[in-house]
N, C-alpha and C. Protein backbone atom coordinates (compact mmCIF):
# COMPACT_ATOMS: atom_id res chain seq x y z
N UNK A 1 -27.98 13.58 4.79
CA UNK A 1 -26.77 13.08 4.17
C UNK A 1 -25.78 12.71 5.26
N UNK A 2 -24.93 11.75 4.92
CA UNK A 2 -23.90 11.28 5.84
C UNK A 2 -22.53 11.48 5.21
N UNK A 3 -21.60 11.91 6.01
CA UNK A 3 -20.20 11.98 5.59
C UNK A 3 -19.47 10.89 6.36
N UNK A 4 -18.86 9.97 5.62
CA UNK A 4 -18.16 8.83 6.21
C UNK A 4 -16.66 9.03 5.99
N UNK A 5 -15.89 8.88 7.07
CA UNK A 5 -14.43 8.99 6.99
C UNK A 5 -13.85 7.67 7.48
N UNK A 6 -12.98 7.09 6.66
CA UNK A 6 -12.38 5.80 6.96
C UNK A 6 -10.86 5.93 6.83
N UNK A 7 -10.16 5.32 7.74
CA UNK A 7 -8.70 5.34 7.75
C UNK A 7 -8.17 3.93 7.52
N UNK A 8 -7.15 3.84 6.67
CA UNK A 8 -6.44 2.59 6.41
C UNK A 8 -4.97 2.84 6.74
N UNK A 9 -4.45 2.11 7.72
CA UNK A 9 -3.07 2.29 8.17
C UNK A 9 -2.11 1.39 7.39
N UNK A 10 -0.82 1.65 7.59
CA UNK A 10 0.27 0.81 7.09
C UNK A 10 0.26 0.64 5.57
N UNK A 11 0.19 1.74 4.86
CA UNK A 11 0.25 1.71 3.40
C UNK A 11 1.66 2.14 3.00
N UNK A 12 2.40 1.29 2.30
CA UNK A 12 3.77 1.64 1.92
C UNK A 12 3.83 2.88 1.03
N UNK A 13 4.84 3.70 1.26
CA UNK A 13 4.96 4.96 0.52
C UNK A 13 5.14 4.74 -0.98
N UNK A 14 5.69 3.61 -1.39
CA UNK A 14 5.89 3.39 -2.82
C UNK A 14 4.59 3.15 -3.59
N UNK A 15 3.52 2.80 -2.90
CA UNK A 15 2.24 2.61 -3.59
C UNK A 15 1.16 3.57 -3.10
N UNK A 16 1.44 4.31 -2.03
CA UNK A 16 0.43 5.17 -1.42
C UNK A 16 -0.18 6.22 -2.32
N UNK A 17 0.64 7.10 -2.92
CA UNK A 17 0.05 8.17 -3.74
C UNK A 17 -0.78 7.65 -4.92
N UNK A 18 -0.24 6.66 -5.65
CA UNK A 18 -0.99 6.13 -6.79
C UNK A 18 -2.20 5.33 -6.32
N UNK A 19 -2.06 4.62 -5.22
CA UNK A 19 -3.20 3.87 -4.67
C UNK A 19 -4.36 4.78 -4.32
N UNK A 20 -4.06 5.93 -3.73
CA UNK A 20 -5.12 6.90 -3.39
C UNK A 20 -5.83 7.38 -4.65
N UNK A 21 -5.08 7.63 -5.69
CA UNK A 21 -5.67 8.05 -6.97
C UNK A 21 -6.55 6.94 -7.52
N UNK A 22 -6.06 5.71 -7.49
CA UNK A 22 -6.82 4.58 -8.02
C UNK A 22 -8.13 4.37 -7.26
N UNK A 23 -8.09 4.50 -5.94
CA UNK A 23 -9.31 4.33 -5.15
C UNK A 23 -10.31 5.45 -5.46
N UNK A 24 -9.82 6.68 -5.53
CA UNK A 24 -10.70 7.80 -5.87
C UNK A 24 -11.34 7.58 -7.24
N UNK A 25 -10.54 7.15 -8.20
CA UNK A 25 -11.07 6.88 -9.54
C UNK A 25 -12.09 5.75 -9.52
N UNK A 26 -11.82 4.72 -8.74
CA UNK A 26 -12.73 3.59 -8.65
C UNK A 26 -14.10 3.99 -8.13
N UNK A 27 -14.13 4.95 -7.23
CA UNK A 27 -15.41 5.39 -6.67
C UNK A 27 -16.21 6.24 -7.65
N UNK A 28 -15.62 6.66 -8.73
CA UNK A 28 -16.39 7.36 -9.76
C UNK A 28 -17.40 6.42 -10.41
N UNK A 29 -17.16 5.11 -10.30
CA UNK A 29 -18.12 4.11 -10.80
C UNK A 29 -19.21 3.82 -9.78
N UNK A 30 -19.19 4.52 -8.67
CA UNK A 30 -20.18 4.35 -7.61
C UNK A 30 -20.83 5.71 -7.34
N UNK A 31 -21.69 6.17 -8.25
CA UNK A 31 -22.22 7.53 -8.15
C UNK A 31 -23.09 7.80 -6.93
N UNK A 32 -23.47 6.77 -6.21
CA UNK A 32 -24.26 6.98 -4.99
C UNK A 32 -23.38 7.52 -3.86
N UNK A 33 -22.06 7.50 -4.06
CA UNK A 33 -21.12 8.14 -3.13
C UNK A 33 -20.71 9.47 -3.74
N UNK A 34 -21.09 10.54 -3.10
CA UNK A 34 -20.76 11.88 -3.59
C UNK A 34 -19.42 12.32 -3.01
N UNK A 35 -18.72 13.10 -3.74
CA UNK A 35 -17.43 13.69 -3.33
C UNK A 35 -16.49 12.68 -2.70
N UNK A 36 -16.45 11.47 -3.23
CA UNK A 36 -15.55 10.44 -2.71
C UNK A 36 -14.12 10.79 -3.07
N UNK A 37 -13.27 10.79 -2.06
CA UNK A 37 -11.86 11.09 -2.29
C UNK A 37 -11.00 10.31 -1.29
N UNK A 38 -9.89 9.81 -1.79
CA UNK A 38 -8.92 9.11 -0.96
C UNK A 38 -7.60 9.87 -1.06
N UNK A 39 -6.96 10.11 0.07
CA UNK A 39 -5.66 10.77 0.09
C UNK A 39 -4.68 9.90 0.87
N UNK A 40 -3.44 9.96 0.43
CA UNK A 40 -2.37 9.26 1.14
C UNK A 40 -1.69 10.27 2.04
N UNK A 41 -1.68 9.99 3.34
CA UNK A 41 -1.06 10.89 4.31
C UNK A 41 -0.64 10.10 5.54
N UNK A 42 0.46 10.49 6.12
CA UNK A 42 0.93 9.88 7.37
C UNK A 42 0.99 8.35 7.31
N UNK A 43 1.44 7.82 6.17
CA UNK A 43 1.61 6.38 6.04
C UNK A 43 0.35 5.58 5.86
N UNK A 44 -0.75 6.24 5.50
CA UNK A 44 -2.00 5.52 5.28
C UNK A 44 -2.94 6.31 4.39
N UNK A 45 -4.09 5.71 4.13
CA UNK A 45 -5.13 6.36 3.35
C UNK A 45 -6.19 6.94 4.28
N UNK A 46 -6.67 8.10 3.95
CA UNK A 46 -7.87 8.64 4.56
C UNK A 46 -8.89 8.81 3.44
N UNK A 47 -10.01 8.14 3.60
CA UNK A 47 -11.06 8.14 2.58
C UNK A 47 -12.28 8.85 3.14
N UNK A 48 -12.88 9.71 2.32
CA UNK A 48 -14.09 10.44 2.71
C UNK A 48 -15.10 10.37 1.58
N UNK A 49 -16.34 10.09 1.92
CA UNK A 49 -17.41 10.19 0.92
C UNK A 49 -18.70 10.60 1.61
N UNK A 50 -19.65 11.02 0.81
CA UNK A 50 -20.96 11.45 1.30
C UNK A 50 -22.03 10.67 0.57
N UNK A 51 -23.06 10.28 1.32
CA UNK A 51 -24.18 9.57 0.71
C UNK A 51 -25.42 9.79 1.56
N UNK A 52 -26.53 9.27 1.09
CA UNK A 52 -27.78 9.50 1.81
C UNK A 52 -28.34 8.23 2.45
N UNK A 53 -27.49 7.21 2.67
CA UNK A 53 -28.02 5.94 3.15
C UNK A 53 -27.19 5.24 4.22
N UNK A 54 -25.97 5.66 4.47
CA UNK A 54 -25.05 4.85 5.27
C UNK A 54 -24.79 5.47 6.64
N UNK A 55 -25.77 5.38 7.52
CA UNK A 55 -25.67 6.06 8.81
C UNK A 55 -24.62 5.48 9.74
N UNK A 56 -24.16 4.24 9.50
CA UNK A 56 -23.12 3.67 10.35
C UNK A 56 -21.78 3.48 9.64
N UNK A 57 -21.71 3.78 8.34
CA UNK A 57 -20.48 3.70 7.57
C UNK A 57 -20.10 2.31 7.10
N UNK A 58 -20.87 1.30 7.45
CA UNK A 58 -20.49 -0.07 7.11
C UNK A 58 -20.58 -0.36 5.61
N UNK A 59 -21.57 0.16 4.94
CA UNK A 59 -21.69 -0.06 3.49
C UNK A 59 -20.53 0.61 2.76
N UNK A 60 -20.17 1.80 3.18
CA UNK A 60 -19.04 2.50 2.57
C UNK A 60 -17.75 1.72 2.82
N UNK A 61 -17.58 1.22 4.04
CA UNK A 61 -16.38 0.43 4.35
C UNK A 61 -16.29 -0.80 3.45
N UNK A 62 -17.41 -1.49 3.24
CA UNK A 62 -17.41 -2.67 2.38
C UNK A 62 -17.01 -2.32 0.94
N UNK A 63 -17.55 -1.22 0.45
CA UNK A 63 -17.22 -0.82 -0.92
C UNK A 63 -15.77 -0.36 -1.02
N UNK A 64 -15.28 0.30 0.01
CA UNK A 64 -13.88 0.71 0.03
C UNK A 64 -12.97 -0.51 0.08
N UNK A 65 -13.35 -1.52 0.86
CA UNK A 65 -12.55 -2.75 0.93
C UNK A 65 -12.42 -3.39 -0.45
N UNK A 66 -13.48 -3.33 -1.24
CA UNK A 66 -13.41 -3.87 -2.60
C UNK A 66 -12.40 -3.10 -3.44
N UNK A 67 -12.46 -1.78 -3.40
CA UNK A 67 -11.50 -0.97 -4.16
C UNK A 67 -10.08 -1.18 -3.64
N UNK A 68 -9.93 -1.26 -2.34
CA UNK A 68 -8.62 -1.45 -1.72
C UNK A 68 -8.01 -2.78 -2.15
N UNK A 69 -8.82 -3.80 -2.28
CA UNK A 69 -8.31 -5.12 -2.68
C UNK A 69 -7.83 -5.14 -4.12
N UNK A 70 -8.18 -4.13 -4.91
CA UNK A 70 -7.68 -4.05 -6.29
C UNK A 70 -6.23 -3.62 -6.37
N UNK A 71 -5.67 -3.13 -5.25
CA UNK A 71 -4.25 -2.80 -5.20
C UNK A 71 -3.53 -4.11 -4.91
N UNK A 72 -2.72 -4.61 -5.86
CA UNK A 72 -2.18 -5.98 -5.74
C UNK A 72 -1.53 -6.31 -4.40
N UNK A 73 -0.81 -5.40 -3.81
CA UNK A 73 -0.13 -5.71 -2.55
C UNK A 73 -1.11 -5.96 -1.40
N UNK A 74 -2.35 -5.50 -1.55
CA UNK A 74 -3.35 -5.64 -0.50
C UNK A 74 -4.50 -6.57 -0.88
N UNK A 75 -4.30 -7.42 -1.84
CA UNK A 75 -5.40 -8.25 -2.34
C UNK A 75 -6.10 -9.05 -1.25
N UNK A 76 -5.37 -9.51 -0.24
CA UNK A 76 -5.97 -10.33 0.82
C UNK A 76 -5.87 -9.68 2.19
N UNK A 77 -5.82 -8.36 2.24
CA UNK A 77 -5.59 -7.66 3.49
C UNK A 77 -6.47 -6.42 3.56
N UNK A 78 -7.14 -6.21 4.68
CA UNK A 78 -7.99 -5.02 4.79
C UNK A 78 -7.20 -3.80 5.23
N UNK A 79 -5.90 -3.96 5.48
CA UNK A 79 -5.04 -2.83 5.80
C UNK A 79 -5.39 -2.12 7.09
N UNK A 80 -6.00 -2.85 8.01
CA UNK A 80 -6.34 -2.23 9.28
C UNK A 80 -7.36 -1.10 9.07
N UNK A 81 -8.34 -1.35 8.27
CA UNK A 81 -9.36 -0.37 7.91
C UNK A 81 -10.30 -0.10 9.09
N UNK A 82 -10.55 1.18 9.38
CA UNK A 82 -11.50 1.49 10.45
C UNK A 82 -12.28 2.76 10.11
N UNK A 83 -13.52 2.74 10.50
CA UNK A 83 -14.38 3.92 10.34
C UNK A 83 -14.01 4.88 11.45
N UNK A 84 -13.56 6.08 11.09
CA UNK A 84 -13.16 7.02 12.11
C UNK A 84 -14.27 8.01 12.46
N UNK A 85 -15.18 8.24 11.52
CA UNK A 85 -16.26 9.20 11.80
C UNK A 85 -17.39 9.03 10.79
N UNK A 86 -18.59 9.16 11.28
CA UNK A 86 -19.78 9.30 10.44
C UNK A 86 -20.53 10.50 11.00
N UNK A 87 -20.73 11.48 10.15
CA UNK A 87 -21.45 12.67 10.60
C UNK A 87 -22.61 12.97 9.68
N UNK A 88 -23.64 13.53 10.25
CA UNK A 88 -24.83 13.93 9.51
C UNK A 88 -24.72 15.41 9.19
N UNK A 89 -25.09 15.76 7.97
CA UNK A 89 -25.08 17.18 7.61
C UNK A 89 -26.25 17.50 6.71
């Protein structure tokens, strides 16, 4: 299994908390990602999920970008998204 952690910077505080909830809820429609959770902290989102296929985190990043684009203010912006860690457990 892989644990993927992705950080998205520069998220405005007025949409951050609800945006994190919306992203977490959106990943419930993606059951191949286990324990997917997004939190708003330090002016950005930190997203974590676990799966059995994404050893480099790129597939998770692509799916997160889709959920992130559903937040109207970020429809055409990746928000400076970066994979911060992929670990095997």
